[in-house]
Amino acid sequence: MRAYKEEYESIKRMLHASSVTNAEWDLFIERTQLKLINQGTYLVRAEERVQYAYFCTEGLFRLFYTLADGKEFIKSFSLANDFVTSYGAMISGEPSYFSLQALEDSVVIEISYALLQELMDRSHNWERFVRKSVEQLYLKKEERERQLLYLSAAERLQAFRTRYPGLEQRIPQYHIASYLGISPVSLSRIVNQTRN
């Protein structure tokens, strides 16, 4: 694992764009925790309550629903420099509807919801930073919904490749199929067609 200071650099750059002061930054460092998450580990399981947000400094996570028949549907992936959590569950206090699992050995900064609330109450800079982060998540969610409703499976594959360049080489095809909402067989057919 890289040095502790380096792990915080990405989020520090984002925070300075929101004019977070040195004192606010020091409080953040003091009250958060750096964690190594092994491949396969769950940060959140469906039906668990959520008390933390995580900032991924390296690695990869999948956020997915498990249907009653056991079939999984991946709603999104989170990579380095992404926040990852079940925001709805964290804010509402209700159990999460989906799970979060590391697909690679990963490093995260663990941030309690209580700390986020405290920082936002103390500082407009933090309020601005959290608002901008949530706005980005909302845009990602809205674009994902539009793709599922309007695009063909082949178009969704192209959108996946555009949003997540290089990810196709890092994960199994069945995860991509789950994200696209199609079977692995259908995905193989589309991939073969795009090669021709």
N, C-alpha and C. Protein backbone atom coordinates (compact mmCIF):
# COMPACT_ATOMS: atom_id res chain seq x y z
N MET A 1 0.85 -1.19 0.00
CA MET A 1 0.00 0.00 0.00
C MET A 1 0.89 1.24 0.00
N ARG A 2 0.43 2.26 -0.72
CA ARG A 2 1.20 3.50 -0.77
C ARG A 2 1.17 4.22 0.57
N ALA A 3 1.99 5.24 0.68
CA ALA A 3 2.07 6.00 1.93
C ALA A 3 0.72 6.64 2.25
N TYR A 4 0.46 6.76 3.55
CA TYR A 4 -0.81 7.30 4.07
C TYR A 4 -1.15 8.64 3.43
N LYS A 5 -0.17 9.55 3.36
CA LYS A 5 -0.41 10.89 2.83
C LYS A 5 -0.87 10.84 1.38
N GLU A 6 -0.23 9.98 0.59
CA GLU A 6 -0.58 9.86 -0.83
C GLU A 6 -2.02 9.40 -1.02
N GLU A 7 -2.50 8.54 -0.14
CA GLU A 7 -3.86 8.02 -0.26
C GLU A 7 -4.91 9.12 -0.13
N TYR A 8 -4.57 10.19 0.57
CA TYR A 8 -5.51 11.29 0.79
C TYR A 8 -5.40 12.39 -0.27
N GLU A 9 -4.40 12.31 -1.14
CA GLU A 9 -4.16 13.42 -2.07
C GLU A 9 -5.31 13.68 -3.04
N SER A 10 -5.93 12.63 -3.58
CA SER A 10 -7.02 12.82 -4.55
C SER A 10 -8.19 13.57 -3.93
N ILE A 11 -8.59 13.13 -2.76
CA ILE A 11 -9.73 13.80 -2.11
C ILE A 11 -9.33 15.20 -1.66
N LYS A 12 -8.07 15.38 -1.30
CA LYS A 12 -7.61 16.72 -0.88
C LYS A 12 -7.72 17.70 -2.05
N ARG A 13 -7.33 17.26 -3.26
CA ARG A 13 -7.45 18.14 -4.43
C ARG A 13 -8.91 18.52 -4.67
N MET A 14 -9.80 17.54 -4.53
CA MET A 14 -11.22 17.82 -4.74
C MET A 14 -11.75 18.79 -3.68
N LEU A 15 -11.30 18.61 -2.46
CA LEU A 15 -11.76 19.48 -1.37
C LEU A 15 -11.24 20.90 -1.54
N HIS A 16 -9.98 21.04 -1.97
CA HIS A 16 -9.44 22.39 -2.15
C HIS A 16 -10.17 23.13 -3.26
N ALA A 17 -10.72 22.40 -4.22
CA ALA A 17 -11.55 23.04 -5.25
C ALA A 17 -12.80 23.65 -4.63
N SER A 18 -13.20 23.14 -3.47
CA SER A 18 -14.35 23.68 -2.74
C SER A 18 -13.91 24.63 -1.63
N SER A 19 -12.64 25.01 -1.61
CA SER A 19 -12.09 25.98 -0.65
C SER A 19 -12.12 25.51 0.80
N VAL A 20 -11.98 24.21 1.01
CA VAL A 20 -11.91 23.68 2.37
C VAL A 20 -10.60 24.18 3.01
N THR A 21 -10.71 24.68 4.22
CA THR A 21 -9.54 25.25 4.90
C THR A 21 -8.63 24.15 5.45
N ASN A 22 -7.42 24.56 5.83
CA ASN A 22 -6.47 23.60 6.43
C ASN A 22 -7.00 23.02 7.73
N ALA A 23 -7.66 23.84 8.54
CA ALA A 23 -8.23 23.35 9.81
C ALA A 23 -9.32 22.31 9.55
N GLU A 24 -10.16 22.57 8.54
CA GLU A 24 -11.22 21.61 8.18
C GLU A 24 -10.61 20.32 7.66
N TRP A 25 -9.55 20.44 6.87
CA TRP A 25 -8.85 19.28 6.34
C TRP A 25 -8.23 18.45 7.47
N ASP A 26 -7.60 19.13 8.44
CA ASP A 26 -6.99 18.43 9.57
C ASP A 26 -8.03 17.65 10.36
N LEU A 27 -9.20 18.22 10.55
CA LEU A 27 -10.28 17.53 11.26
C LEU A 27 -10.71 16.28 10.48
N PHE A 28 -10.80 16.42 9.17
CA PHE A 28 -11.17 15.29 8.32
C PHE A 28 -10.14 14.15 8.46
N ILE A 29 -8.86 14.49 8.39
CA ILE A 29 -7.79 13.48 8.54
C ILE A 29 -7.89 12.79 9.89
N GLU A 30 -8.10 13.59 10.93
CA GLU A 30 -8.13 13.07 12.30
C GLU A 30 -9.29 12.10 12.51
N ARG A 31 -10.42 12.33 11.84
CA ARG A 31 -11.64 11.57 12.15
C ARG A 31 -12.01 10.53 11.09
N THR A 32 -11.14 10.30 10.11
CA THR A 32 -11.41 9.27 9.10
C THR A 32 -10.36 8.17 9.22
N GLN A 33 -10.62 7.08 8.52
CA GLN A 33 -9.72 5.93 8.62
C GLN A 33 -9.42 5.38 7.24
N LEU A 34 -8.16 5.07 7.01
CA LEU A 34 -7.74 4.45 5.77
C LEU A 34 -7.85 2.94 5.93
N LYS A 35 -8.49 2.26 4.94
CA LYS A 35 -8.70 0.81 5.07
C LYS A 35 -8.32 0.10 3.78
N LEU A 36 -7.65 -1.04 3.94
CA LEU A 36 -7.38 -1.93 2.83
C LEU A 36 -8.53 -2.92 2.78
N ILE A 37 -9.17 -3.02 1.62
CA ILE A 37 -10.32 -3.91 1.44
C ILE A 37 -9.90 -5.02 0.47
N ASN A 38 -9.92 -6.25 0.94
CA ASN A 38 -9.52 -7.38 0.10
C ASN A 38 -10.59 -7.69 -0.95
N GLN A 39 -10.14 -8.18 -2.09
CA GLN A 39 -11.05 -8.59 -3.16
C GLN A 39 -12.08 -9.55 -2.59
N GLY A 40 -13.36 -9.31 -2.97
CA GLY A 40 -14.45 -10.16 -2.51
C GLY A 40 -15.13 -9.67 -1.25
N THR A 41 -14.50 -8.73 -0.52
CA THR A 41 -15.06 -8.22 0.73
C THR A 41 -16.23 -7.29 0.45
N TYR A 42 -17.26 -7.37 1.28
CA TYR A 42 -18.42 -6.49 1.18
C TYR A 42 -18.21 -5.27 2.08
N LEU A 43 -18.40 -4.08 1.53
CA LEU A 43 -18.47 -2.88 2.36
C LEU A 43 -19.86 -2.75 2.96
N VAL A 44 -20.85 -3.13 2.16
CA VAL A 44 -22.26 -3.08 2.58
C VAL A 44 -22.94 -4.32 2.00
N ARG A 45 -23.79 -4.94 2.79
CA ARG A 45 -24.65 -6.02 2.29
C ARG A 45 -26.09 -5.53 2.29
N ALA A 46 -26.86 -5.99 1.31
CA ALA A 46 -28.28 -5.64 1.26
C ALA A 46 -28.92 -5.99 2.60
N GLU A 47 -29.80 -5.12 3.05
CA GLU A 47 -30.55 -5.24 4.30
C GLU A 47 -29.76 -4.81 5.52
N GLU A 48 -28.51 -4.35 5.33
CA GLU A 48 -27.75 -3.77 6.44
C GLU A 48 -27.97 -2.27 6.49
N ARG A 49 -27.86 -1.72 7.68
CA ARG A 49 -27.89 -0.26 7.83
C ARG A 49 -26.50 0.29 7.49
N VAL A 50 -26.46 1.52 7.01
CA VAL A 50 -25.23 2.10 6.50
C VAL A 50 -24.86 3.34 7.32
N GLN A 51 -23.66 3.34 7.88
CA GLN A 51 -23.21 4.47 8.69
C GLN A 51 -22.00 5.18 8.10
N TYR A 52 -21.48 4.64 6.97
CA TYR A 52 -20.25 5.19 6.41
C TYR A 52 -20.37 5.42 4.91
N ALA A 53 -19.66 6.45 4.46
CA ALA A 53 -19.38 6.64 3.04
C ALA A 53 -17.90 6.30 2.88
N TYR A 54 -17.53 5.87 1.69
CA TYR A 54 -16.15 5.49 1.42
C TYR A 54 -15.66 6.23 0.19
N PHE A 55 -14.44 6.73 0.26
CA PHE A 55 -13.80 7.32 -0.90
C PHE A 55 -12.75 6.33 -1.36
N CYS A 56 -12.90 5.83 -2.58
CA CYS A 56 -11.99 4.81 -3.12
C CYS A 56 -10.76 5.51 -3.67
N THR A 57 -9.60 5.20 -3.11
CA THR A 57 -8.35 5.78 -3.61
C THR A 57 -7.67 4.86 -4.62
N GLU A 58 -7.93 3.56 -4.52
CA GLU A 58 -7.48 2.63 -5.55
C GLU A 58 -8.34 1.37 -5.46
N GLY A 59 -8.55 0.74 -6.63
CA GLY A 59 -9.33 -0.49 -6.64
C GLY A 59 -10.62 -0.34 -7.42
N LEU A 60 -11.56 -1.24 -7.11
CA LEU A 60 -12.79 -1.34 -7.89
C LEU A 60 -13.88 -2.01 -7.07
N PHE A 61 -15.09 -1.45 -7.13
CA PHE A 61 -16.25 -2.01 -6.44
C PHE A 61 -17.42 -2.15 -7.39
N ARG A 62 -18.28 -3.11 -7.10
CA ARG A 62 -19.56 -3.22 -7.80
C ARG A 62 -20.67 -2.97 -6.80
N LEU A 63 -21.72 -2.27 -7.25
CA LEU A 63 -22.92 -2.02 -6.46
C LEU A 63 -24.01 -2.82 -7.15
N PHE A 64 -24.65 -3.75 -6.43
CA PHE A 64 -25.57 -4.65 -7.11
C PHE A 64 -26.76 -5.04 -6.24
N TYR A 65 -27.87 -5.30 -6.94
CA TYR A 65 -29.09 -5.83 -6.33
C TYR A 65 -29.10 -7.34 -6.51
N THR A 66 -29.63 -8.06 -5.54
CA THR A 66 -29.85 -9.49 -5.67
C THR A 66 -31.37 -9.72 -5.66
N LEU A 67 -31.89 -10.27 -6.74
CA LEU A 67 -33.32 -10.51 -6.86
C LEU A 67 -33.73 -11.75 -6.07
N ALA A 68 -35.02 -11.95 -5.91
CA ALA A 68 -35.55 -13.06 -5.11
C ALA A 68 -35.07 -14.41 -5.62
N ASP A 69 -34.87 -14.53 -6.93
CA ASP A 69 -34.41 -15.80 -7.51
C ASP A 69 -32.88 -15.97 -7.44
N GLY A 70 -32.19 -15.01 -6.80
CA GLY A 70 -30.75 -15.09 -6.66
C GLY A 70 -29.98 -14.40 -7.78
N LYS A 71 -30.68 -13.97 -8.82
CA LYS A 71 -30.02 -13.29 -9.93
C LYS A 71 -29.54 -11.91 -9.47
N GLU A 72 -28.33 -11.54 -9.93
CA GLU A 72 -27.76 -10.26 -9.55
C GLU A 72 -27.85 -9.26 -10.69
N PHE A 73 -28.10 -8.03 -10.33
CA PHE A 73 -28.18 -6.94 -11.30
C PHE A 73 -27.25 -5.82 -10.82
N ILE A 74 -26.18 -5.58 -11.56
CA ILE A 74 -25.21 -4.55 -11.16
C ILE A 74 -25.73 -3.18 -11.57
N LYS A 75 -25.86 -2.29 -10.58
CA LYS A 75 -26.35 -0.94 -10.86
C LYS A 75 -25.23 -0.01 -11.28
N SER A 76 -24.01 -0.22 -10.74
CA SER A 76 -22.89 0.61 -11.15
C SER A 76 -21.58 0.04 -10.62
N PHE A 77 -20.50 0.62 -11.10
CA PHE A 77 -19.16 0.30 -10.62
C PHE A 77 -18.57 1.58 -10.04
N SER A 78 -17.71 1.43 -9.04
CA SER A 78 -16.99 2.57 -8.48
C SER A 78 -15.50 2.27 -8.54
N LEU A 79 -14.75 3.23 -9.05
CA LEU A 79 -13.30 3.07 -9.23
C LEU A 79 -12.58 4.10 -8.38
N ALA A 80 -11.27 4.20 -8.58
CA ALA A 80 -10.48 5.18 -7.85
C ALA A 80 -11.04 6.58 -8.07
N ASN A 81 -11.05 7.37 -7.01
CA ASN A 81 -11.55 8.75 -6.98
C ASN A 81 -13.07 8.84 -7.02
N ASP A 82 -13.75 7.74 -6.70
CA ASP A 82 -15.22 7.73 -6.58
C ASP A 82 -15.61 7.57 -5.11
N PHE A 83 -16.73 8.16 -4.75
CA PHE A 83 -17.36 7.85 -3.47
C PHE A 83 -18.21 6.61 -3.68
N VAL A 84 -18.28 5.77 -2.66
CA VAL A 84 -19.07 4.55 -2.77
C VAL A 84 -19.78 4.30 -1.44
N THR A 85 -21.09 4.16 -1.51
CA THR A 85 -21.92 3.81 -0.36
C THR A 85 -23.35 3.66 -0.86
N SER A 86 -24.25 3.31 0.01
CA SER A 86 -25.67 3.38 -0.28
C SER A 86 -26.16 4.69 0.35
N TYR A 87 -26.16 5.76 -0.44
CA TYR A 87 -26.49 7.08 0.10
C TYR A 87 -27.90 7.13 0.66
N GLY A 88 -28.84 6.52 -0.08
CA GLY A 88 -30.23 6.54 0.40
C GLY A 88 -30.36 5.90 1.77
N ALA A 89 -29.70 4.75 1.96
CA ALA A 89 -29.76 4.06 3.24
C ALA A 89 -29.04 4.86 4.33
N MET A 90 -27.91 5.46 3.97
CA MET A 90 -27.14 6.23 4.95
C MET A 90 -27.95 7.43 5.43
N ILE A 91 -28.61 8.13 4.51
CA ILE A 91 -29.35 9.33 4.86
C ILE A 91 -30.65 9.00 5.60
N SER A 92 -31.36 7.96 5.13
CA SER A 92 -32.67 7.63 5.70
C SER A 92 -32.59 6.82 6.98
N GLY A 93 -31.46 6.12 7.19
CA GLY A 93 -31.35 5.24 8.35
C GLY A 93 -32.00 3.88 8.10
N GLU A 94 -32.54 3.69 6.90
CA GLU A 94 -33.16 2.41 6.53
C GLU A 94 -32.10 1.46 6.00
N PRO A 95 -32.38 0.15 6.00
CA PRO A 95 -31.41 -0.80 5.44
C PRO A 95 -31.18 -0.56 3.94
N SER A 96 -29.99 -0.90 3.48
CA SER A 96 -29.66 -0.77 2.06
C SER A 96 -30.43 -1.79 1.24
N TYR A 97 -30.81 -1.40 0.04
CA TYR A 97 -31.46 -2.34 -0.88
C TYR A 97 -30.43 -3.09 -1.72
N PHE A 98 -29.20 -2.61 -1.75
CA PHE A 98 -28.20 -3.26 -2.58
C PHE A 98 -26.91 -3.49 -1.79
N SER A 99 -26.02 -4.29 -2.38
CA SER A 99 -24.73 -4.63 -1.76
C SER A 99 -23.60 -3.93 -2.49
N LEU A 100 -22.49 -3.77 -1.79
CA LEU A 100 -21.26 -3.18 -2.33
C LEU A 100 -20.12 -4.14 -2.08
N GLN A 101 -19.44 -4.58 -3.14
CA GLN A 101 -18.39 -5.58 -3.00
C GLN A 101 -17.15 -5.17 -3.78
N ALA A 102 -15.98 -5.42 -3.18
CA ALA A 102 -14.71 -5.14 -3.85
C ALA A 102 -14.45 -6.21 -4.91
N LEU A 103 -14.19 -5.77 -6.14
CA LEU A 103 -13.83 -6.70 -7.21
C LEU A 103 -12.32 -6.84 -7.35
N GLU A 104 -11.59 -5.98 -6.69
CA GLU A 104 -10.12 -6.04 -6.64
C GLU A 104 -9.70 -5.65 -5.23
N ASP A 105 -8.47 -5.98 -4.85
CA ASP A 105 -7.93 -5.41 -3.61
C ASP A 105 -8.00 -3.89 -3.76
N SER A 106 -8.55 -3.22 -2.76
CA SER A 106 -8.84 -1.79 -2.87
C SER A 106 -8.43 -1.06 -1.59
N VAL A 107 -8.31 0.25 -1.71
CA VAL A 107 -8.03 1.10 -0.56
C VAL A 107 -9.10 2.18 -0.52
N VAL A 108 -9.69 2.38 0.67
CA VAL A 108 -10.73 3.39 0.83
C VAL A 108 -10.44 4.25 2.05
N ILE A 109 -10.99 5.45 2.02
CA ILE A 109 -11.05 6.30 3.21
C ILE A 109 -12.46 6.15 3.75
N GLU A 110 -12.57 5.68 4.98
CA GLU A 110 -13.88 5.47 5.62
C GLU A 110 -14.30 6.75 6.33
N ILE A 111 -15.50 7.26 5.98
CA ILE A 111 -15.99 8.53 6.51
C ILE A 111 -17.35 8.29 7.14
N SER A 112 -17.48 8.52 8.42
CA SER A 112 -18.77 8.29 9.07
C SER A 112 -19.77 9.35 8.64
N TYR A 113 -21.04 8.95 8.57
CA TYR A 113 -22.10 9.91 8.22
C TYR A 113 -22.18 11.00 9.28
N ALA A 114 -21.95 10.63 10.54
CA ALA A 114 -21.96 11.63 11.62
C ALA A 114 -20.90 12.70 11.37
N LEU A 115 -19.70 12.29 10.92
CA LEU A 115 -18.65 13.27 10.62
C LEU A 115 -19.05 14.15 9.45
N LEU A 116 -19.59 13.56 8.40
CA LEU A 116 -20.04 14.38 7.25
C LEU A 116 -21.04 15.43 7.69
N GLN A 117 -22.00 15.03 8.52
CA GLN A 117 -22.99 15.99 9.01
C GLN A 117 -22.33 17.09 9.83
N GLU A 118 -21.40 16.70 10.69
CA GLU A 118 -20.71 17.69 11.52
C GLU A 118 -19.93 18.68 10.66
N LEU A 119 -19.21 18.17 9.67
CA LEU A 119 -18.42 19.04 8.80
C LEU A 119 -19.31 19.99 8.01
N MET A 120 -20.44 19.48 7.52
CA MET A 120 -21.37 20.34 6.76
C MET A 120 -22.00 21.40 7.66
N ASP A 121 -22.28 21.05 8.92
CA ASP A 121 -22.84 22.02 9.86
C ASP A 121 -21.83 23.13 10.20
N ARG A 122 -20.54 22.76 10.20
CA ARG A 122 -19.50 23.72 10.58
C ARG A 122 -19.05 24.59 9.43
N SER A 123 -19.21 24.11 8.18
CA SER A 123 -18.53 24.77 7.08
C SER A 123 -19.35 24.74 5.78
N HIS A 124 -19.51 25.93 5.18
CA HIS A 124 -20.16 25.99 3.86
C HIS A 124 -19.29 25.32 2.80
N ASN A 125 -17.98 25.31 3.02
CA ASN A 125 -17.08 24.66 2.06
C ASN A 125 -17.38 23.16 1.97
N TRP A 126 -17.56 22.54 3.13
CA TRP A 126 -17.90 21.11 3.15
C TRP A 126 -19.29 20.88 2.58
N GLU A 127 -20.20 21.77 2.91
CA GLU A 127 -21.56 21.66 2.38
C GLU A 127 -21.51 21.68 0.85
N ARG A 128 -20.73 22.59 0.30
CA ARG A 128 -20.58 22.71 -1.15
C ARG A 128 -19.96 21.44 -1.74
N PHE A 129 -18.92 20.93 -1.08
CA PHE A 129 -18.25 19.73 -1.56
C PHE A 129 -19.20 18.53 -1.59
N VAL A 130 -19.94 18.32 -0.51
CA VAL A 130 -20.88 17.19 -0.46
C VAL A 130 -21.99 17.37 -1.49
N ARG A 131 -22.48 18.60 -1.63
CA ARG A 131 -23.53 18.86 -2.63
C ARG A 131 -23.04 18.53 -4.03
N LYS A 132 -21.83 18.96 -4.37
CA LYS A 132 -21.29 18.68 -5.70
C LYS A 132 -21.10 17.18 -5.92
N SER A 133 -20.66 16.49 -4.88
CA SER A 133 -20.48 15.04 -4.98
C SER A 133 -21.82 14.34 -5.22
N VAL A 134 -22.84 14.76 -4.50
CA VAL A 134 -24.17 14.16 -4.66
C VAL A 134 -24.75 14.50 -6.03
N GLU A 135 -24.50 15.71 -6.51
CA GLU A 135 -24.97 16.09 -7.85
C GLU A 135 -24.37 15.18 -8.91
N GLN A 136 -23.07 14.86 -8.78
CA GLN A 136 -22.42 13.96 -9.73
C GLN A 136 -23.04 12.57 -9.69
N LEU A 137 -23.33 12.09 -8.49
CA LEU A 137 -23.99 10.78 -8.36
C LEU A 137 -25.38 10.80 -9.00
N TYR A 138 -26.10 11.89 -8.81
CA TYR A 138 -27.44 12.00 -9.40
C TYR A 138 -27.36 11.97 -10.93
N LEU A 139 -26.40 12.71 -11.50
CA LEU A 139 -26.25 12.71 -12.96
C LEU A 139 -25.92 11.32 -13.48
N LYS A 140 -25.05 10.61 -12.76
CA LYS A 140 -24.69 9.24 -13.14
C LYS A 140 -25.91 8.33 -13.10
N LYS A 141 -26.72 8.47 -12.05
CA LYS A 141 -27.92 7.65 -11.89
C LYS A 141 -28.94 7.93 -13.00
N GLU A 142 -29.14 9.21 -13.30
CA GLU A 142 -30.11 9.59 -14.34
C GLU A 142 -29.67 9.08 -15.71
N GLU A 143 -28.38 9.18 -16.01
CA GLU A 143 -27.86 8.69 -17.28
C GLU A 143 -28.02 7.17 -17.38
N ARG A 144 -27.79 6.48 -16.28
CA ARG A 144 -27.94 5.02 -16.25
C ARG A 144 -29.39 4.62 -16.53
N GLU A 145 -30.33 5.30 -15.90
CA GLU A 145 -31.75 5.01 -16.13
C GLU A 145 -32.13 5.25 -17.58
N ARG A 146 -31.63 6.35 -18.15
CA ARG A 146 -31.94 6.66 -19.55
C ARG A 146 -31.41 5.56 -20.47
N GLN A 147 -30.20 5.11 -20.21
CA GLN A 147 -29.63 4.05 -21.04
C GLN A 147 -30.46 2.77 -20.99
N LEU A 148 -30.89 2.39 -19.79
CA LEU A 148 -31.68 1.16 -19.66
C LEU A 148 -33.03 1.26 -20.36
N LEU A 149 -33.59 2.46 -20.38
CA LEU A 149 -34.91 2.64 -21.00
C LEU A 149 -34.86 2.84 -22.50
N TYR A 150 -33.83 3.50 -23.00
CA TYR A 150 -33.83 3.94 -24.40
C TYR A 150 -32.83 3.25 -25.32
N LEU A 151 -31.76 2.70 -24.77
CA LEU A 151 -30.71 2.17 -25.63
C LEU A 151 -30.83 0.66 -25.82
N SER A 152 -30.42 0.21 -26.98
CA SER A 152 -30.33 -1.23 -27.24
C SER A 152 -29.18 -1.80 -26.42
N ALA A 153 -29.11 -3.13 -26.33
CA ALA A 153 -28.03 -3.77 -25.59
C ALA A 153 -26.67 -3.40 -26.17
N ALA A 154 -26.56 -3.35 -27.51
CA ALA A 154 -25.30 -2.98 -28.15
C ALA A 154 -24.93 -1.54 -27.81
N GLU A 155 -25.92 -0.65 -27.80
CA GLU A 155 -25.66 0.76 -27.45
C GLU A 155 -25.28 0.88 -25.97
N ARG A 156 -25.89 0.07 -25.11
CA ARG A 156 -25.53 0.09 -23.69
C ARG A 156 -24.09 -0.39 -23.49
N LEU A 157 -23.67 -1.38 -24.28
CA LEU A 157 -22.28 -1.85 -24.20
C LEU A 157 -21.33 -0.72 -24.59
N GLN A 158 -21.66 0.01 -25.64
CA GLN A 158 -20.81 1.12 -26.05
C GLN A 158 -20.77 2.21 -24.98
N ALA A 159 -21.92 2.48 -24.36
CA ALA A 159 -21.97 3.47 -23.28
C ALA A 159 -21.12 3.01 -22.08
N PHE A 160 -21.17 1.71 -21.78
CA PHE A 160 -20.34 1.14 -20.71
C PHE A 160 -18.86 1.36 -21.03
N ARG A 161 -18.47 1.08 -22.25
CA ARG A 161 -17.06 1.24 -22.65
C ARG A 161 -16.62 2.70 -22.56
N THR A 162 -17.53 3.60 -22.87
CA THR A 162 -17.22 5.03 -22.80
C THR A 162 -17.09 5.49 -21.35
N ARG A 163 -18.02 5.07 -20.50
CA ARG A 163 -18.01 5.49 -19.10
C ARG A 163 -16.86 4.86 -18.33
N TYR A 164 -16.57 3.60 -18.64
CA TYR A 164 -15.55 2.85 -17.88
C TYR A 164 -14.45 2.34 -18.82
N PRO A 165 -13.66 3.21 -19.40
CA PRO A 165 -12.62 2.74 -20.33
C PRO A 165 -11.63 1.81 -19.62
N GLY A 166 -11.35 0.69 -20.27
CA GLY A 166 -10.40 -0.27 -19.72
C GLY A 166 -10.98 -1.26 -18.73
N LEU A 167 -12.20 -0.99 -18.25
CA LEU A 167 -12.79 -1.87 -17.23
C LEU A 167 -13.13 -3.24 -17.80
N GLU A 168 -13.43 -3.29 -19.07
CA GLU A 168 -13.79 -4.55 -19.73
C GLU A 168 -12.68 -5.60 -19.58
N GLN A 169 -11.44 -5.14 -19.48
CA GLN A 169 -10.31 -6.06 -19.34
C GLN A 169 -10.06 -6.44 -17.87
N ARG A 170 -10.72 -5.77 -16.94
CA ARG A 170 -10.47 -6.00 -15.51
C ARG A 170 -11.50 -6.90 -14.84
N ILE A 171 -12.66 -7.10 -15.47
CA ILE A 171 -13.74 -7.85 -14.82
C ILE A 171 -14.26 -8.95 -15.74
N PRO A 172 -14.88 -9.98 -15.15
CA PRO A 172 -15.45 -11.05 -15.97
C PRO A 172 -16.62 -10.54 -16.82
N GLN A 173 -16.83 -11.20 -17.95
CA GLN A 173 -17.91 -10.79 -18.85
C GLN A 173 -19.28 -10.88 -18.18
N TYR A 174 -19.46 -11.85 -17.26
CA TYR A 174 -20.79 -11.98 -16.64
C TYR A 174 -21.13 -10.75 -15.79
N HIS A 175 -20.12 -10.04 -15.27
CA HIS A 175 -20.40 -8.79 -14.55
C HIS A 175 -20.86 -7.70 -15.53
N ILE A 176 -20.24 -7.66 -16.68
CA ILE A 176 -20.64 -6.68 -17.70
C ILE A 176 -22.07 -6.99 -18.16
N ALA A 177 -22.37 -8.27 -18.40
CA ALA A 177 -23.72 -8.67 -18.80
C ALA A 177 -24.74 -8.26 -17.75
N SER A 178 -24.41 -8.48 -16.48
CA SER A 178 -25.30 -8.10 -15.38
C SER A 178 -25.56 -6.60 -15.39
N TYR A 179 -24.51 -5.81 -15.62
CA TYR A 179 -24.64 -4.36 -15.68
C TYR A 179 -25.52 -3.93 -16.86
N LEU A 180 -25.37 -4.62 -17.99
CA LEU A 180 -26.14 -4.26 -19.19
C LEU A 180 -27.57 -4.77 -19.14
N GLY A 181 -27.86 -5.69 -18.22
CA GLY A 181 -29.21 -6.24 -18.12
C GLY A 181 -29.49 -7.31 -19.16
N ILE A 182 -28.44 -8.04 -19.56
CA ILE A 182 -28.60 -9.09 -20.56
C ILE A 182 -27.87 -10.34 -20.07
N SER A 183 -28.06 -11.46 -20.78
CA SER A 183 -27.38 -12.69 -20.41
C SER A 183 -25.94 -12.67 -20.93
N PRO A 184 -25.05 -13.45 -20.31
CA PRO A 184 -23.68 -13.55 -20.83
C PRO A 184 -23.64 -14.05 -22.27
N VAL A 185 -24.57 -14.91 -22.66
CA VAL A 185 -24.62 -15.41 -24.04
C VAL A 185 -24.92 -14.26 -25.00
N SER A 186 -25.91 -13.43 -24.63
CA SER A 186 -26.24 -12.27 -25.47
C SER A 186 -25.07 -11.31 -25.58
N LEU A 187 -24.36 -11.12 -24.47
CA LEU A 187 -23.19 -10.23 -24.50
C LEU A 187 -22.11 -10.78 -25.43
N SER A 188 -21.85 -12.08 -25.37
CA SER A 188 -20.85 -12.69 -26.26
C SER A 188 -21.22 -12.47 -27.72
N ARG A 189 -22.51 -12.60 -28.02
CA ARG A 189 -22.97 -12.39 -29.39
C ARG A 189 -22.74 -10.95 -29.83
N ILE A 190 -23.07 -9.99 -28.97
CA ILE A 190 -22.89 -8.58 -29.31
C ILE A 190 -21.41 -8.26 -29.47
N VAL A 191 -20.56 -8.76 -28.56
CA VAL A 191 -19.12 -8.51 -28.65
C VAL A 191 -18.57 -9.07 -29.97
N ASN A 192 -19.00 -10.28 -30.34
CA ASN A 192 -18.55 -10.88 -31.62
C ASN A 192 -19.01 -10.05 -32.80
N GLN A 193 -20.23 -9.53 -32.75
CA GLN A 193 -20.75 -8.70 -33.84
C GLN A 193 -19.97 -7.40 -33.98
N THR A 194 -19.56 -6.82 -32.86
CA THR A 194 -18.82 -5.55 -32.91
C THR A 194 -17.40 -5.75 -33.41
N ARG A 195 -16.88 -6.97 -33.30
CA ARG A 195 -15.53 -7.26 -33.81
C ARG A 195 -15.52 -7.40 -35.31
N ASN A 196 -16.66 -7.77 -35.89
CA ASN A 196 -16.74 -8.01 -37.35
C ASN A 196 -16.94 -6.73 -38.12
